[in-house]
Structure formats: structure tokens, C-alpha cells
Amino acid sequence: MSTLEADIEDKAVAYGLTLGYYSLKLNGEGNRGKLDRLFVNLAGEHIYIEFKRPGEELRKDQWLHVRDLTRRGCTVYQCFDVRHAKRVLDNHRNPDAEAIDGRLTFEMAVAELAKNKVEL
């Protein structure tokens, strides 16, 4: 049975609550392309997470949001499974957390958008 994106997200949100995170769903109706979730830790720092099934890629409109958020210094991750999402949330409980695997960068977004011939 394949993993659904919503299952990964639901389990990550439940786990985040146990760590004290505030979570906000961003990609509801009328918000196509926005990333899935904003998580805010107890220190007030925030991270954005886009949940994807294993092997699924971000769409062009999502890369535009990654570009715009990372340009402003925001931390953005793409998580393919619950284990990775938990690692991201565990890591970013600490206000001085260093990035771990799965972090998306401004440079990655610009390269992906250029590859797909999206005007920058």
C-alpha cells in the first residue's frame, strides 16, 4: 500500500503538537502552490514543510513559494516520510538548530525554476 501525503502530514502534525509546535495548514482551497504547513516552535521560530509521497516532486508553483520564502531567510523542508518529518521537528526545537537533509534553498529553487523555464 502506498503512503499518502495526508498520512505523513497528519502524523507529523500530531508529533509536532507533542513537542509544543503550533501548526498552521497553508495550502487550503484557493491557495494552490502554497506549501503544506507552517510550524512554529516554542521559541517563536518557524519552519515550512512540504509533504510529498516518496518519489513525488514539487510543482513549479511550489518552487516559486520556496524561492520567495528562502529569499527572505525562511527555513523550508520537503519531507517524504514520517521519520524524516519527526527528525526535522526534533532538530528545530532548538533555536540554534543547523539544517539537516531535506532542506530546500534559494539556490535550489532558482535552479529548478530555470530548468523548467519559469521566468524569474
PDB file of N, CA and C in Angstrom:
ATOM      1  N   MET A   1       0.847  -1.182   0.000  1.00  0.00           N
ATOM      2  CA  MET A   1       0.000   0.000   0.000  1.00  0.00           C
ATOM      3  C   MET A   1       0.890   1.242   0.000  1.00  0.00           C
ATOM      4  N   SER A   2       0.607   2.175  -0.870  1.00  0.00           N
ATOM      5  CA  SER A   2       1.435   3.371  -0.953  1.00  0.00           C
ATOM      6  C   SER A   2       1.074   4.348   0.159  1.00  0.00           C
ATOM      7  N   THR A   3       2.060   5.125   0.551  1.00  0.00           N
ATOM      8  CA  THR A   3       1.878   6.131   1.589  1.00  0.00           C
ATOM      9  C   THR A   3       1.203   7.353   0.994  1.00  0.00           C
ATOM     10  N   LEU A   4       0.186   7.845   1.661  1.00  0.00           N
ATOM     11  CA  LEU A   4      -0.476   9.061   1.218  1.00  0.00           C
ATOM     12  C   LEU A   4       0.185  10.272   1.862  1.00  0.00           C
ATOM     13  N   GLU A   5       0.266  11.354   1.106  1.00  0.00           N
ATOM     14  CA  GLU A   5       0.838  12.599   1.621  1.00  0.00           C
ATOM     15  C   GLU A   5       0.114  13.043   2.890  1.00  0.00           C
ATOM     16  N   ALA A   6      -1.207  12.919   2.905  1.00  0.00           N
ATOM     17  CA  ALA A   6      -2.001  13.350   4.064  1.00  0.00           C
ATOM     18  C   ALA A   6      -1.667  12.530   5.307  1.00  0.00           C
ATOM     19  N   ASP A   7      -1.357  11.248   5.138  1.00  0.00           N
ATOM     20  CA  ASP A   7      -0.981  10.414   6.282  1.00  0.00           C
ATOM     21  C   ASP A   7       0.332  10.884   6.898  1.00  0.00           C
ATOM     22  N   ILE A   8       1.293  11.209   6.043  1.00  0.00           N
ATOM     23  CA  ILE A   8       2.583  11.713   6.525  1.00  0.00           C
ATOM     24  C   ILE A   8       2.362  13.029   7.270  1.00  0.00           C
ATOM     25  N   GLU A   9       1.596  13.906   6.668  1.00  0.00           N
ATOM     26  CA  GLU A   9       1.333  15.213   7.270  1.00  0.00           C
ATOM     27  C   GLU A   9       0.603  15.088   8.601  1.00  0.00           C
ATOM     28  N   ASP A  10      -0.438  14.271   8.647  1.00  0.00           N
ATOM     29  CA  ASP A  10      -1.219  14.110   9.883  1.00  0.00           C
ATOM     30  C   ASP A  10      -0.357  13.598  11.033  1.00  0.00           C
ATOM     31  N   LYS A  11       0.485  12.632  10.750  1.00  0.00           N
ATOM     32  CA  LYS A  11       1.352  12.073  11.803  1.00  0.00           C
ATOM     33  C   LYS A  11       2.412  13.087  12.235  1.00  0.00           C
ATOM     34  N   ALA A  12       2.925  13.853  11.295  1.00  0.00           N
ATOM     35  CA  ALA A  12       3.917  14.881  11.638  1.00  0.00           C
ATOM     36  C   ALA A  12       3.290  15.974  12.494  1.00  0.00           C
ATOM     37  N   VAL A  13       2.080  16.381  12.151  1.00  0.00           N
ATOM     38  CA  VAL A  13       1.383  17.416  12.930  1.00  0.00           C
ATOM     39  C   VAL A  13       1.129  16.913  14.350  1.00  0.00           C
ATOM     40  N   ALA A  14       0.652  15.684  14.487  1.00  0.00           N
ATOM     41  CA  ALA A  14       0.401  15.118  15.816  1.00  0.00           C
ATOM     42  C   ALA A  14       1.695  15.061  16.628  1.00  0.00           C
ATOM     43  N   TYR A  15       2.784  14.666  15.990  1.00  0.00           N
ATOM     44  CA  TYR A  15       4.074  14.615  16.677  1.00  0.00           C
ATOM     45  C   TYR A  15       4.529  16.018  17.074  1.00  0.00           C
ATOM     46  N   GLY A  16       4.373  16.964  16.159  1.00  0.00           N
ATOM     47  CA  GLY A  16       4.760  18.347  16.452  1.00  0.00           C
ATOM     48  C   GLY A  16       4.023  18.903  17.665  1.00  0.00           C
ATOM     49  N   LEU A  17       2.764  18.564  17.800  1.00  0.00           N
ATOM     50  CA  LEU A  17       1.986  19.020  18.962  1.00  0.00           C
ATOM     51  C   LEU A  17       2.584  18.507  20.265  1.00  0.00           C
ATOM     52  N   THR A  18       3.081  17.273  20.259  1.00  0.00           N
ATOM     53  CA  THR A  18       3.690  16.721  21.479  1.00  0.00           C
ATOM     54  C   THR A  18       4.971  17.456  21.851  1.00  0.00           C
ATOM     55  N   LEU A  19       5.589  18.128  20.860  1.00  0.00           N
ATOM     56  CA  LEU A  19       6.823  18.885  21.104  1.00  0.00           C
ATOM     57  C   LEU A  19       6.551  20.357  21.387  1.00  0.00           C
ATOM     58  N   GLY A  20       5.283  20.749  21.331  1.00  0.00           N
ATOM     59  CA  GLY A  20       4.932  22.131  21.610  1.00  0.00           C
ATOM     60  C   GLY A  20       4.842  23.028  20.393  1.00  0.00           C
ATOM     61  N   TYR A  21       4.899  22.452  19.206  1.00  0.00           N
ATOM     62  CA  TYR A  21       4.792  23.265  17.993  1.00  0.00           C
ATOM     63  C   TYR A  21       3.362  23.749  17.788  1.00  0.00           C
ATOM     64  N   TYR A  22       3.238  24.940  17.237  1.00  0.00           N
ATOM     65  CA  TYR A  22       1.982  25.440  16.695  1.00  0.00           C
ATOM     66  C   TYR A  22       2.056  25.137  15.206  1.00  0.00           C
ATOM     67  N   SER A  23       0.976  24.639  14.639  1.00  0.00           N
ATOM     68  CA  SER A  23       0.977  24.253  13.238  1.00  0.00           C
ATOM     69  C   SER A  23      -0.196  24.902  12.516  1.00  0.00           C
ATOM     70  N   LEU A  24       0.069  25.364  11.319  1.00  0.00           N
ATOM     71  CA  LEU A  24      -0.962  26.016  10.524  1.00  0.00           C
ATOM     72  C   LEU A  24      -0.944  25.435   9.111  1.00  0.00           C
ATOM     73  N   LYS A  25      -2.102  24.967   8.640  1.00  0.00           N
ATOM     74  CA  LYS A  25      -2.248  24.451   7.268  1.00  0.00           C
ATOM     75  C   LYS A  25      -2.295  25.647   6.324  1.00  0.00           C
ATOM     76  N   LEU A  26      -1.461  25.610   5.286  1.00  0.00           N
ATOM     77  CA  LEU A  26      -1.347  26.763   4.397  1.00  0.00           C
ATOM     78  C   LEU A  26      -1.973  26.565   3.030  1.00  0.00           C
ATOM     79  N   ASN A  27      -2.119  25.342   2.606  1.00  0.00           N
ATOM     80  CA  ASN A  27      -2.492  25.107   1.213  1.00  0.00           C
ATOM     81  C   ASN A  27      -3.952  24.717   1.026  1.00  0.00           C
ATOM     82  N   GLY A  28      -4.820  25.337   1.757  1.00  0.00           N
ATOM     83  CA  GLY A  28      -6.244  25.040   1.628  1.00  0.00           C
ATOM     84  C   GLY A  28      -6.821  25.558   0.318  1.00  0.00           C
ATOM     85  N   GLU A  29      -8.109  25.491   0.200  1.00  0.00           N
ATOM     86  CA  GLU A  29      -8.808  25.903  -1.013  1.00  0.00           C
ATOM     87  C   GLU A  29      -8.429  27.330  -1.394  1.00  0.00           C
ATOM     88  N   GLY A  30      -8.107  27.512  -2.659  1.00  0.00           N
ATOM     89  CA  GLY A  30      -7.740  28.832  -3.155  1.00  0.00           C
ATOM     90  C   GLY A  30      -6.287  29.197  -2.941  1.00  0.00           C
ATOM     91  N   ASN A  31      -5.510  28.285  -2.392  1.00  0.00           N
ATOM     92  CA  ASN A  31      -4.098  28.555  -2.110  1.00  0.00           C
ATOM     93  C   ASN A  31      -3.189  27.579  -2.845  1.00  0.00           C
ATOM     94  N   ARG A  32      -3.515  27.259  -4.072  1.00  0.00           N
ATOM     95  CA  ARG A  32      -2.724  26.295  -4.845  1.00  0.00           C
ATOM     96  C   ARG A  32      -1.268  26.749  -4.927  1.00  0.00           C
ATOM     97  N   GLY A  33      -0.399  25.809  -4.688  1.00  0.00           N
ATOM     98  CA  GLY A  33       1.027  26.086  -4.780  1.00  0.00           C
ATOM     99  C   GLY A  33       1.679  26.438  -3.465  1.00  0.00           C
ATOM    100  N   LYS A  34       0.889  26.849  -2.497  1.00  0.00           N
ATOM    101  CA  LYS A  34       1.489  27.142  -1.193  1.00  0.00           C
ATOM    102  C   LYS A  34       1.967  25.849  -0.565  1.00  0.00           C
ATOM    103  N   LEU A  35       2.963  25.964   0.284  1.00  0.00           N
ATOM    104  CA  LEU A  35       3.492  24.776   0.955  1.00  0.00           C
ATOM    105  C   LEU A  35       2.466  24.265   1.959  1.00  0.00           C
ATOM    106  N   ASP A  36       2.625  23.024   2.391  1.00  0.00           N
ATOM    107  CA  ASP A  36       1.607  22.374   3.216  1.00  0.00           C
ATOM    108  C   ASP A  36       1.441  22.987   4.601  1.00  0.00           C
ATOM    109  N   ARG A  37       2.543  23.158   5.328  1.00  0.00           N
ATOM    110  CA  ARG A  37       2.436  23.519   6.739  1.00  0.00           C
ATOM    111  C   ARG A  37       3.482  24.529   7.175  1.00  0.00           C
ATOM    112  N   LEU A  38       3.053  25.350   8.109  1.00  0.00           N
ATOM    113  CA  LEU A  38       3.946  26.220   8.866  1.00  0.00           C
ATOM    114  C   LEU A  38       3.975  25.670  10.284  1.00  0.00           C
ATOM    115  N   PHE A  39       5.166  25.447  10.810  1.00  0.00           N
ATOM    116  CA  PHE A  39       5.344  25.011  12.196  1.00  0.00           C
ATOM    117  C   PHE A  39       6.108  26.095  12.942  1.00  0.00           C
ATOM    118  N   VAL A  40       5.637  26.457  14.126  1.00  0.00           N
ATOM    119  CA  VAL A  40       6.307  27.453  14.955  1.00  0.00           C
ATOM    120  C   VAL A  40       6.679  26.784  16.272  1.00  0.00           C
ATOM    121  N   ASN A  41       7.973  26.837  16.616  1.00  0.00           N
ATOM    122  CA  ASN A  41       8.417  26.201  17.858  1.00  0.00           C
ATOM    123  C   ASN A  41       8.177  27.112  19.057  1.00  0.00           C
ATOM    124  N   LEU A  42       8.493  26.624  20.235  1.00  0.00           N
ATOM    125  CA  LEU A  42       8.233  27.390  21.463  1.00  0.00           C
ATOM    126  C   LEU A  42       9.073  28.665  21.578  1.00  0.00           C
ATOM    127  N   ALA A  43      10.147  28.746  20.794  1.00  0.00           N
ATOM    128  CA  ALA A  43      10.976  29.953  20.780  1.00  0.00           C
ATOM    129  C   ALA A  43      10.458  30.974  19.761  1.00  0.00           C
ATOM    130  N   GLY A  44       9.374  30.634  19.046  1.00  0.00           N
ATOM    131  CA  GLY A  44       8.803  31.537  18.065  1.00  0.00           C
ATOM    132  C   GLY A  44       9.417  31.440  16.684  1.00  0.00           C
ATOM    133  N   GLU A  45      10.360  30.522  16.505  1.00  0.00           N
ATOM    134  CA  GLU A  45      10.970  30.337  15.191  1.00  0.00           C
ATOM    135  C   GLU A  45      10.085  29.429  14.352  1.00  0.00           C
ATOM    136  N   HIS A  46      10.103  29.652  13.061  1.00  0.00           N
ATOM    137  CA  HIS A  46       9.196  28.897  12.203  1.00  0.00           C
ATOM    138  C   HIS A  46       9.926  28.173  11.085  1.00  0.00           C
ATOM    139  N   ILE A  47       9.312  27.074  10.655  1.00  0.00           N
ATOM    140  CA  ILE A  47       9.783  26.313   9.506  1.00  0.00           C
ATOM    141  C   ILE A  47       8.564  25.951   8.659  1.00  0.00           C
ATOM    142  N   TYR A  48       8.795  25.843   7.386  1.00  0.00           N
ATOM    143  CA  TYR A  48       7.760  25.425   6.452  1.00  0.00           C
ATOM    144  C   TYR A  48       8.097  24.012   5.994  1.00  0.00           C
ATOM    145  N   ILE A  49       7.078  23.182   5.888  1.00  0.00           N
ATOM    146  CA  ILE A  49       7.293  21.818   5.395  1.00  0.00           C
ATOM    147  C   ILE A  49       6.298  21.516   4.289  1.00  0.00           C
ATOM    148  N   GLU A  50       6.831  20.990   3.199  1.00  0.00           N
ATOM    149  CA  GLU A  50       6.019  20.446   2.107  1.00  0.00           C
ATOM    150  C   GLU A  50       6.128  18.924   2.207  1.00  0.00           C
ATOM    151  N   PHE A  51       5.005  18.278   2.371  1.00  0.00           N
ATOM    152  CA  PHE A  51       4.965  16.823   2.471  1.00  0.00           C
ATOM    153  C   PHE A  51       4.693  16.238   1.092  1.00  0.00           C
ATOM    154  N   LYS A  52       5.462  15.238   0.734  1.00  0.00           N
ATOM    155  CA  LYS A  52       5.296  14.561  -0.554  1.00  0.00           C
ATOM    156  C   LYS A  52       5.405  13.054  -0.356  1.00  0.00           C
ATOM    157  N   ARG A  53       4.696  12.330  -1.192  1.00  0.00           N
ATOM    158  CA  ARG A  53       4.882  10.883  -1.211  1.00  0.00           C
ATOM    159  C   ARG A  53       6.272  10.605  -1.742  1.00  0.00           C
ATOM    160  N   PRO A  54       6.870   9.487  -1.343  1.00  0.00           N
ATOM    161  CA  PRO A  54       8.204   9.156  -1.865  1.00  0.00           C
ATOM    162  C   PRO A  54       8.223   9.185  -3.393  1.00  0.00           C
ATOM    163  N   GLY A  55       9.190   9.893  -3.941  1.00  0.00           N
ATOM    164  CA  GLY A  55       9.356   9.991  -5.377  1.00  0.00           C
ATOM    165  C   GLY A  55       8.592  11.123  -6.039  1.00  0.00           C
ATOM    166  N   GLU A  56       7.693  11.759  -5.318  1.00  0.00           N
ATOM    167  CA  GLU A  56       6.915  12.858  -5.878  1.00  0.00           C
ATOM    168  C   GLU A  56       7.736  14.154  -5.797  1.00  0.00           C
ATOM    169  N   GLU A  57       7.633  14.975  -6.838  1.00  0.00           N
ATOM    170  CA  GLU A  57       8.414  16.209  -6.893  1.00  0.00           C
ATOM    171  C   GLU A  57       7.545  17.432  -6.674  1.00  0.00           C
ATOM    172  N   LEU A  58       8.180  18.532  -6.273  1.00  0.00           N
ATOM    173  CA  LEU A  58       7.472  19.795  -6.138  1.00  0.00           C
ATOM    174  C   LEU A  58       7.046  20.293  -7.513  1.00  0.00           C
ATOM    175  N   ARG A  59       5.905  20.953  -7.551  1.00  0.00           N
ATOM    176  CA  ARG A  59       5.425  21.575  -8.780  1.00  0.00           C
ATOM    177  C   ARG A  59       6.100  22.949  -8.942  1.00  0.00           C
ATOM    178  N   LYS A  60       6.005  23.496 -10.128  1.00  0.00           N
ATOM    179  CA  LYS A  60       6.614  24.806 -10.401  1.00  0.00           C
ATOM    180  C   LYS A  60       6.086  25.876  -9.452  1.00  0.00           C
ATOM    181  N   ASP A  61       4.765  25.882  -9.229  1.00  0.00           N
ATOM    182  CA  ASP A  61       4.209  26.910  -8.344  1.00  0.00           C
ATOM    183  C   ASP A  61       4.712  26.766  -6.908  1.00  0.00           C
ATOM    184  N   GLN A  62       5.007  25.544  -6.495  1.00  0.00           N
ATOM    185  CA  GLN A  62       5.574  25.339  -5.161  1.00  0.00           C
ATOM    186  C   GLN A  62       7.021  25.831  -5.110  1.00  0.00           C
ATOM    187  N   TRP A  63       7.777  25.596  -6.187  1.00  0.00           N
ATOM    188  CA  TRP A  63       9.147  26.107  -6.227  1.00  0.00           C
ATOM    189  C   TRP A  63       9.168  27.632  -6.155  1.00  0.00           C
ATOM    190  N   LEU A  64       8.164  28.286  -6.736  1.00  0.00           N
ATOM    191  CA  LEU A  64       8.090  29.744  -6.627  1.00  0.00           C
ATOM    192  C   LEU A  64       7.945  30.182  -5.167  1.00  0.00           C
ATOM    193  N   HIS A  65       7.126  29.465  -4.408  1.00  0.00           N
ATOM    194  CA  HIS A  65       6.978  29.787  -2.979  1.00  0.00           C
ATOM    195  C   HIS A  65       8.266  29.492  -2.211  1.00  0.00           C
ATOM    196  N   VAL A  66       8.924  28.383  -2.550  1.00  0.00           N
ATOM    197  CA  VAL A  66      10.208  28.072  -1.903  1.00  0.00           C
ATOM    198  C   VAL A  66      11.193  29.202  -2.167  1.00  0.00           C
ATOM    199  N   ARG A  67      11.249  29.636  -3.407  1.00  0.00           N
ATOM    200  CA  ARG A  67      12.164  30.738  -3.755  1.00  0.00           C
ATOM    201  C   ARG A  67      11.856  31.985  -2.936  1.00  0.00           C
ATOM    202  N   ASP A  68      10.588  32.362  -2.897  1.00  0.00           N
ATOM    203  CA  ASP A  68      10.210  33.599  -2.210  1.00  0.00           C
ATOM    204  C   ASP A  68      10.435  33.513  -0.699  1.00  0.00           C
ATOM    205  N   LEU A  69      10.159  32.362  -0.107  1.00  0.00           N
ATOM    206  CA  LEU A  69      10.352  32.196   1.343  1.00  0.00           C
ATOM    207  C   LEU A  69      11.831  32.151   1.712  1.00  0.00           C
ATOM    208  N   THR A  70      12.614  31.365   0.960  1.00  0.00           N
ATOM    209  CA  THR A  70      14.039  31.248   1.293  1.00  0.00           C
ATOM    210  C   THR A  70      14.775  32.553   1.020  1.00  0.00           C
ATOM    211  N   ARG A  71      14.324  33.311   0.051  1.00  0.00           N
ATOM    212  CA  ARG A  71      14.921  34.626  -0.218  1.00  0.00           C
ATOM    213  C   ARG A  71      14.803  35.517   1.019  1.00  0.00           C
ATOM    214  N   ARG A  72      13.764  35.297   1.789  1.00  0.00           N
ATOM    215  CA  ARG A  72      13.508  36.091   2.998  1.00  0.00           C
ATOM    216  C   ARG A  72      14.098  35.454   4.254  1.00  0.00           C
ATOM    217  N   GLY A  73      14.887  34.405   4.073  1.00  0.00           N
ATOM    218  CA  GLY A  73      15.553  33.776   5.203  1.00  0.00           C
ATOM    219  C   GLY A  73      14.747  32.705   5.908  1.00  0.00           C
ATOM    220  N   CYS A  74      13.617  32.312   5.336  1.00  0.00           N
ATOM    221  CA  CYS A  74      12.792  31.267   5.952  1.00  0.00           C
ATOM    222  C   CYS A  74      13.408  29.891   5.727  1.00  0.00           C
ATOM    223  N   THR A  75      13.117  28.999   6.635  1.00  0.00           N
ATOM    224  CA  THR A  75      13.590  27.622   6.550  1.00  0.00           C
ATOM    225  C   THR A  75      12.479  26.766   5.967  1.00  0.00           C
ATOM    226  N   VAL A  76      12.807  26.036   4.888  1.00  0.00           N
ATOM    227  CA  VAL A  76      11.825  25.223   4.181  1.00  0.00           C
ATOM    228  C   VAL A  76      12.374  23.814   4.006  1.00  0.00           C
ATOM    229  N   TYR A  77      11.532  22.827   4.282  1.00  0.00           N
ATOM    230  CA  TYR A  77      11.896  21.420   4.105  1.00  0.00           C
ATOM    231  C   TYR A  77      10.877  20.714   3.234  1.00  0.00           C
ATOM    232  N   GLN A  78      11.348  19.669   2.579  1.00  0.00           N
ATOM    233  CA  GLN A  78      10.478  18.733   1.882  1.00  0.00           C
ATOM    234  C   GLN A  78      10.649  17.399   2.582  1.00  0.00           C
ATOM    235  N   CYS A  79       9.545  16.818   3.050  1.00  0.00           N
ATOM    236  CA  CYS A  79       9.597  15.549   3.784  1.00  0.00           C
ATOM    237  C   CYS A  79       8.815  14.479   3.043  1.00  0.00           C
ATOM    238  N   PHE A  80       9.456  13.319   2.849  1.00  0.00           N
ATOM    239  CA  PHE A  80       8.857  12.205   2.126  1.00  0.00           C
ATOM    240  C   PHE A  80       8.301  11.114   3.033  1.00  0.00           C
ATOM    241  N   ASP A  81       8.634  11.176   4.311  1.00  0.00           N
ATOM    242  CA  ASP A  81       8.106  10.162   5.225  1.00  0.00           C
ATOM    243  C   ASP A  81       8.028  10.730   6.645  1.00  0.00           C
ATOM    244  N   VAL A  82       7.316  10.017   7.500  1.00  0.00           N
ATOM    245  CA  VAL A  82       7.078  10.474   8.870  1.00  0.00           C
ATOM    246  C   VAL A  82       8.387  10.547   9.650  1.00  0.00           C
ATOM    247  N   ARG A  83       9.248   9.570   9.464  1.00  0.00           N
ATOM    248  CA  ARG A  83      10.520   9.548  10.192  1.00  0.00           C
ATOM    249  C   ARG A  83      11.322  10.815   9.917  1.00  0.00           C
ATOM    250  N   HIS A  84      11.391  11.204   8.657  1.00  0.00           N
ATOM    251  CA  HIS A  84      12.139  12.409   8.309  1.00  0.00           C
ATOM    252  C   HIS A  84      11.470  13.658   8.884  1.00  0.00           C
ATOM    253  N   ALA A  85      10.156  13.731   8.801  1.00  0.00           N
ATOM    254  CA  ALA A  85       9.436  14.888   9.357  1.00  0.00           C
ATOM    255  C   ALA A  85       9.695  15.005  10.854  1.00  0.00           C
ATOM    256  N   LYS A  86       9.709  13.882  11.562  1.00  0.00           N
ATOM    257  CA  LYS A  86       9.994  13.904  13.003  1.00  0.00           C
ATOM    258  C   LYS A  86      11.408  14.392  13.268  1.00  0.00           C
ATOM    259  N   ARG A  87      12.366  13.969  12.437  1.00  0.00           N
ATOM    260  CA  ARG A  87      13.750  14.433  12.600  1.00  0.00           C
ATOM    261  C   ARG A  87      13.840  15.941  12.415  1.00  0.00           C
ATOM    262  N   VAL A  88      13.136  16.465  11.418  1.00  0.00           N
ATOM    263  CA  VAL A  88      13.133  17.914  11.173  1.00  0.00           C
ATOM    264  C   VAL A  88      12.551  18.649  12.382  1.00  0.00           C
ATOM    265  N   LEU A  89      11.411  18.170  12.873  1.00  0.00           N
ATOM    266  CA  LEU A  89      10.776  18.832  14.019  1.00  0.00           C
ATOM    267  C   LEU A  89      11.629  18.702  15.285  1.00  0.00           C
ATOM    268  N   ASP A  90      12.208  17.539  15.516  1.00  0.00           N
ATOM    269  CA  ASP A  90      13.112  17.370  16.670  1.00  0.00           C
ATOM    270  C   ASP A  90      14.281  18.347  16.575  1.00  0.00           C
ATOM    271  N   ASN A  91      14.873  18.421  15.395  1.00  0.00           N
ATOM    272  CA  ASN A  91      16.041  19.264  15.185  1.00  0.00           C
ATOM    273  C   ASN A  91      15.726  20.734  15.419  1.00  0.00           C
ATOM    274  N   HIS A  92      14.590  21.187  14.969  1.00  0.00           N
ATOM    275  CA  HIS A  92      14.286  22.616  15.035  1.00  0.00           C
ATOM    276  C   HIS A  92      13.590  23.044  16.321  1.00  0.00           C
ATOM    277  N   ARG A  93      13.517  22.157  17.299  1.00  0.00           N
ATOM    278  CA  ARG A  93      13.074  22.581  18.641  1.00  0.00           C
ATOM    279  C   ARG A  93      14.117  23.491  19.249  1.00  0.00           C
ATOM    280  N   ASN A  94      15.356  23.277  18.885  1.00  0.00           N
ATOM    281  CA  ASN A  94      16.485  24.056  19.374  1.00  0.00           C
ATOM    282  C   ASN A  94      16.591  25.337  18.553  1.00  0.00           C
ATOM    283  N   PRO A  95      16.554  26.503  19.191  1.00  0.00           N
ATOM    284  CA  PRO A  95      16.643  27.763  18.444  1.00  0.00           C
ATOM    285  C   PRO A  95      17.914  27.909  17.614  1.00  0.00           C
ATOM    286  N   ASP A  96      18.978  27.200  17.968  1.00  0.00           N
ATOM    287  CA  ASP A  96      20.238  27.292  17.223  1.00  0.00           C
ATOM    288  C   ASP A  96      20.434  26.115  16.277  1.00  0.00           C
ATOM    289  N   ALA A  97      19.350  25.497  15.842  1.00  0.00           N
ATOM    290  CA  ALA A  97      19.429  24.291  15.024  1.00  0.00           C
ATOM    291  C   ALA A  97      20.118  24.549  13.693  1.00  0.00           C
ATOM    292  N   GLU A  98      20.925  23.600  13.300  1.00  0.00           N
ATOM    293  CA  GLU A  98      21.544  23.608  11.981  1.00  0.00           C
ATOM    294  C   GLU A  98      20.620  22.853  11.023  1.00  0.00           C
ATOM    295  N   ALA A  99      20.701  23.180   9.758  1.00  0.00           N
ATOM    296  CA  ALA A  99      19.886  22.497   8.753  1.00  0.00           C
ATOM    297  C   ALA A  99      20.278  21.027   8.657  1.00  0.00           C
ATOM    298  N   ILE A 100      19.296  20.193   8.368  1.00  0.00           N
ATOM    299  CA  ILE A 100      19.554  18.780   8.123  1.00  0.00           C
ATOM    300  C   ILE A 100      19.083  18.448   6.710  1.00  0.00           C
ATOM    301  N   ASP A 101      19.257  17.194   6.295  1.00  0.00           N
ATOM    302  CA  ASP A 101      18.875  16.800   4.941  1.00  0.00           C
ATOM    303  C   ASP A 101      17.401  17.094   4.664  1.00  0.00           C
ATOM    304  N   GLY A 102      17.124  17.409   3.420  1.00  0.00           N
ATOM    305  CA  GLY A 102      15.761  17.734   3.027  1.00  0.00           C
ATOM    306  C   GLY A 102      15.461  19.223   3.011  1.00  0.00           C
ATOM    307  N   ARG A 103      16.423  20.026   3.472  1.00  0.00           N
ATOM    308  CA  ARG A 103      16.195  21.475   3.466  1.00  0.00           C
ATOM    309  C   ARG A 103      16.300  21.992   2.045  1.00  0.00           C
ATOM    310  N   LEU A 104      15.361  22.839   1.654  1.00  0.00           N
ATOM    311  CA  LEU A 104      15.353  23.448   0.330  1.00  0.00           C
ATOM    312  C   LEU A 104      15.959  24.845   0.438  1.00  0.00           C
ATOM    313  N   THR A 105      16.727  25.240  -0.562  1.00  0.00           N
ATOM    314  CA  THR A 105      17.407  26.530  -0.522  1.00  0.00           C
ATOM    315  C   THR A 105      16.956  27.426  -1.675  1.00  0.00           C
ATOM    316  N   PHE A 106      17.284  28.691  -1.542  1.00  0.00           N
ATOM    317  CA  PHE A 106      17.003  29.670  -2.593  1.00  0.00           C
ATOM    318  C   PHE A 106      17.677  29.238  -3.890  1.00  0.00           C
ATOM    319  N   GLU A 107      18.928  28.814  -3.799  1.00  0.00           N
ATOM    320  CA  GLU A 107      19.677  28.402  -4.984  1.00  0.00           C
ATOM    321  C   GLU A 107      19.027  27.204  -5.664  1.00  0.00           C
ATOM    322  N   MET A 108      18.535  26.259  -4.877  1.00  0.00           N
ATOM    323  CA  MET A 108      17.847  25.096  -5.437  1.00  0.00           C
ATOM    324  C   MET A 108      16.592  25.533  -6.184  1.00  0.00           C
ATOM    325  N   ALA A 109      15.840  26.458  -5.592  1.00  0.00           N
ATOM    326  CA  ALA A 109      14.600  26.922  -6.212  1.00  0.00           C
ATOM    327  C   ALA A 109      14.881  27.643  -7.521  1.00  0.00           C
ATOM    328  N   VAL A 110      15.867  28.526  -7.528  1.00  0.00           N
ATOM    329  CA  VAL A 110      16.204  29.260  -8.745  1.00  0.00           C
ATOM    330  C   VAL A 110      16.642  28.292  -9.842  1.00  0.00           C
ATOM    331  N   ALA A 111      17.467  27.309  -9.495  1.00  0.00           N
ATOM    332  CA  ALA A 111      17.923  26.325 -10.484  1.00  0.00           C
ATOM    333  C   ALA A 111      16.744  25.506 -11.024  1.00  0.00           C
ATOM    334  N   GLU A 112      15.858  25.082 -10.173  1.00  0.00           N
ATOM    335  CA  GLU A 112      14.702  24.277 -10.600  1.00  0.00           C
ATOM    336  C   GLU A 112      13.784  25.098 -11.501  1.00  0.00           C
ATOM    337  N   LEU A 113      13.550  26.346 -11.138  1.00  0.00           N
ATOM    338  CA  LEU A 113      12.685  27.208 -11.944  1.00  0.00           C
ATOM    339  C   LEU A 113      13.323  27.498 -13.309  1.00  0.00           C
ATOM    340  N   ALA A 114      14.638  27.707 -13.344  1.00  0.00           N
ATOM    341  CA  ALA A 114      15.331  27.954 -14.608  1.00  0.00           C
ATOM    342  C   ALA A 114      15.269  26.718 -15.494  1.00  0.00           C
ATOM    343  N   LYS A 115      15.435  25.548 -14.881  1.00  0.00           N
ATOM    344  CA  LYS A 115      15.369  24.290 -15.629  1.00  0.00           C
ATOM    345  C   LYS A 115      13.994  24.121 -16.274  1.00  0.00           C
ATOM    346  N   ASN A 116      12.964  24.592 -15.596  1.00  0.00           N
ATOM    347  CA  ASN A 116      11.607  24.480 -16.107  1.00  0.00           C
ATOM    348  C   ASN A 116      11.165  25.723 -16.886  1.00  0.00           C
ATOM    349  N   LYS A 117      12.132  26.598 -17.165  1.00  0.00           N
ATOM    350  CA  LYS A 117      11.894  27.802 -17.971  1.00  0.00           C
ATOM    351  C   LYS A 117      10.798  28.698 -17.401  1.00  0.00           C
ATOM    352  N   VAL A 118      10.815  28.835 -16.069  1.00  0.00           N
ATOM    353  CA  VAL A 118       9.905  29.745 -15.401  1.00  0.00           C
ATOM    354  C   VAL A 118      10.618  31.076 -15.265  1.00  0.00           C
ATOM    355  N   GLU A 119       9.948  32.149 -15.672  1.00  0.00           N
ATOM    356  CA  GLU A 119      10.574  33.467 -15.589  1.00  0.00           C
ATOM    357  C   GLU A 119      10.850  33.834 -14.140  1.00  0.00           C
ATOM    358  N   LEU A 120      12.063  34.311 -13.908  1.00  0.00           N
ATOM    359  CA  LEU A 120      12.468  34.704 -12.565  1.00  0.00           C
ATOM    360  C   LEU A 120      12.327  36.190 -12.457  1.00  0.00           C
TER     361      LEU A 120
END
